[in-house]
Protein backbone atom coordinates (compact mmCIF):
# COMPACT_ATOMS: atom_id res chain seq x y z
CA MET A 1 19.92 248.28 -10.29
CA LYS A 2 18.46 251.71 -10.91
CA GLU A 3 19.14 252.70 -7.31
CA ILE A 4 22.82 251.75 -7.57
CA LEU A 5 23.27 253.75 -10.77
CA LYS A 6 21.43 256.68 -9.24
CA ASP A 7 24.09 256.95 -6.49
CA TRP A 8 27.09 256.68 -8.84
CA HIS A 9 28.76 259.76 -7.34
CA GLU A 10 29.07 257.92 -4.01
CA TRP A 11 30.77 254.94 -5.66
CA LEU A 12 33.21 257.01 -7.73
CA PRO A 13 35.89 257.45 -5.00
CA LEU A 14 35.84 253.71 -4.26
CA ALA A 15 36.20 252.89 -7.95
CA GLY A 16 39.13 255.31 -8.18
CA LEU A 17 40.86 253.65 -5.23
CA ALA A 18 40.28 250.21 -6.76
CA VAL A 19 41.86 251.34 -10.04
CA LEU A 20 44.87 252.80 -8.18
CA ALA A 21 45.30 249.57 -6.22
CA ILE A 22 45.22 247.48 -9.39
CA VAL A 23 47.78 249.74 -11.11
CA ALA A 24 50.03 249.60 -8.03
CA LEU A 25 49.86 245.79 -8.00
CA ILE A 26 50.72 245.63 -11.69
CA PHE A 27 53.78 247.84 -11.16
CA TRP A 28 54.77 245.85 -8.06
CA PHE A 29 54.78 242.50 -9.88
CA ARG A 30 56.44 243.87 -13.04
CA ARG A 31 59.33 245.60 -11.25
CA LYS A 32 62.84 244.52 -12.07
CA PRO A 33 64.47 242.42 -9.39
CA GLN A 34 67.34 244.20 -7.72
CA ASP A 35 70.70 242.70 -8.62
CA SER A 36 73.17 241.59 -5.97
CA ARG A 37 75.59 244.48 -6.63
CA ASP A 38 72.86 247.04 -5.86
CA MET A 39 71.82 245.19 -2.70
CA GLU A 40 75.43 245.06 -1.49
CA ARG A 41 75.93 248.77 -2.25
CA GLU A 42 72.79 249.61 -0.24
CA ARG A 43 73.96 247.39 2.64
CA ARG A 44 77.35 249.14 2.71
CA ALA A 45 75.68 252.59 2.63
CA TYR A 46 73.32 251.61 5.47
CA LEU A 47 76.15 250.29 7.64
CA ASN A 48 78.25 253.36 6.89
CA ARG A 49 75.35 255.55 8.10
CA VAL A 50 74.26 253.69 11.25
CA GLY A 51 77.26 251.50 12.05
CA ARG A 52 79.32 251.61 15.18
CA ILE A 53 83.05 251.07 14.97
CA VAL A 54 84.98 248.30 16.70
CA GLU A 55 88.54 247.09 16.17
CA GLY A 56 88.95 243.89 14.20
CA GLN A 57 91.65 241.86 12.56
CA ILE A 58 92.18 240.84 8.94
CA LEU A 59 92.46 237.08 8.51
CA GLU A 60 93.14 236.73 4.79
CA ILE A 61 92.47 238.02 1.30
CA ALA A 62 91.06 235.29 -0.90
CA GLU A 63 90.44 235.26 -4.62
CA HIS A 64 87.77 233.01 -6.10
CA ALA A 65 86.84 232.28 -9.67
CA PRO A 66 83.19 233.05 -10.58
CA GLY A 67 80.87 230.34 -9.30
CA GLU A 68 83.47 229.05 -6.85
CA LEU A 69 82.24 229.71 -3.32
CA ALA A 70 83.92 229.15 0.00
CA ALA A 71 80.66 227.91 1.54
CA PRO A 72 77.26 226.93 0.11
CA VAL A 73 74.83 229.80 -0.22
CA SER A 74 71.06 229.40 -0.39
CA LYS A 75 69.53 231.12 -3.39
CA PRO A 76 66.01 232.55 -3.57
CA SER A 77 63.69 230.89 -6.03
CA GLY A 78 60.67 231.93 -8.04
CA LEU A 79 59.93 235.35 -9.46
CA PHE A 80 62.32 237.19 -7.17
CA GLN A 81 65.44 235.17 -7.90
CA ALA A 82 68.52 237.39 -7.83
CA ARG A 83 70.47 237.84 -11.02
CA PRO A 84 74.10 236.70 -10.92
CA SER A 85 76.45 239.56 -10.22
CA ALA A 86 78.64 240.76 -13.02
CA ALA A 87 82.19 239.56 -12.60
CA PRO A 88 85.08 241.97 -12.92
CA SER A 89 86.98 242.08 -16.18
CA ASN A 90 89.52 239.46 -15.06
CA GLY A 91 86.76 237.22 -13.64
CA ILE A 92 88.17 237.03 -10.10
CA GLN A 93 86.09 237.73 -6.99
CA LYS A 94 88.07 239.12 -4.04
CA LEU A 95 86.96 238.37 -0.49
CA LEU A 96 88.44 240.02 2.58
CA HIS A 97 88.06 237.71 5.59
CA TYR A 98 88.15 239.37 9.01
CA THR A 99 87.18 238.87 12.64
CA TYR A 100 85.92 241.16 15.42
CA SER A 101 84.41 240.83 18.91
CA ILE A 102 81.41 242.59 20.43
CA SER A 103 80.28 242.00 24.02
CA GLY A 104 82.32 238.83 24.31
CA VAL A 105 81.01 237.34 21.04
CA THR A 106 83.56 236.81 18.27
CA TYR A 107 82.38 237.14 14.66
CA GLU A 108 84.33 235.81 11.70
CA THR A 109 83.09 236.89 8.28
CA ALA A 110 84.11 238.07 4.83
CA GLN A 111 83.27 241.03 2.61
CA ASP A 112 83.30 240.96 -1.18
CA ILE A 113 85.61 243.84 -2.12
CA THR A 114 85.68 243.18 -5.85
CA GLY A 115 84.45 246.64 -6.85
CA LEU A 116 86.39 248.39 -4.10
CA ASP A 117 89.89 247.26 -5.13
CA LEU A 118 91.37 250.76 -5.44
CA ARG A 119 89.99 251.80 -2.07
CA ALA A 120 91.37 248.70 -0.37
CA HIS A 121 95.05 249.13 -1.35
CA LEU A 122 95.35 245.35 -1.40
CA SER A 123 99.13 245.39 -1.72
CA ARG A 124 99.40 246.97 1.76
CA LEU A 125 97.13 244.45 3.51
CA ALA A 126 98.44 241.53 5.52
CA ALA A 127 96.92 238.80 7.66
CA GLY A 128 96.87 239.82 11.32
CA GLN A 129 96.64 243.53 10.53
CA THR A 130 94.18 245.51 12.66
CA ALA A 131 91.26 247.29 11.03
CA SER A 132 88.18 249.25 12.05
CA VAL A 133 84.94 247.36 11.47
CA LYS A 134 81.55 249.06 11.19
CA TYR A 135 78.70 246.90 12.45
CA ASP A 136 74.94 247.26 12.82
CA PRO A 137 74.13 247.74 16.55
CA SER A 138 70.81 245.90 16.11
CA ASN A 139 72.50 243.01 14.23
CA PRO A 140 76.21 242.82 15.16
CA SER A 141 76.90 240.05 12.64
CA ASN A 142 76.17 242.53 9.81
CA SER A 143 79.43 244.41 9.25
CA ILE A 144 81.80 245.97 6.72
CA LEU A 145 85.46 246.91 6.44
CA LEU A 146 85.05 249.01 3.29
CA ALA A 147 82.31 251.20 1.86
CA ASP A 148 82.19 253.47 -1.16
CA ASP A 149 83.18 256.48 0.96
CA TRP A 150 84.69 254.92 4.09
CA SER A 151 87.59 252.59 4.80
CA GLY A 152 88.40 250.84 8.05
CA LEU A 153 91.76 249.67 6.78
CA HIS A 154 94.78 251.22 8.50
């Protein structure tokens, strides 16, 4: 025991690293889970940065009441469960359904445009209208029609 205490200056850097690791783990587990609006905003920003543009076609504009989904969605469980997104003041979620093709594969998807209503000019949209779609070249099924600072609507 005396020999270990005699060489305390050699153990000090390791003790410092251990304390830093413990503090980092505490902050990691106590962090606030990201809400779905922030995740969607980051996804739109990422696709706006790296996305390639292809022509697509608008299928429909659908409005859903909160909690009413077009298809079942799996939800994460446990500590990292996402918080429900805040509904707009009128409580209606707006989805813009569209389709596009890349390398012979046709994708049909929808984008939640609830917070982007002013940018979308919904009154000028119609089913069958062409639009520019930005997609992720490494994952072509990940796409957008609208972002905070970009619009593919014509």
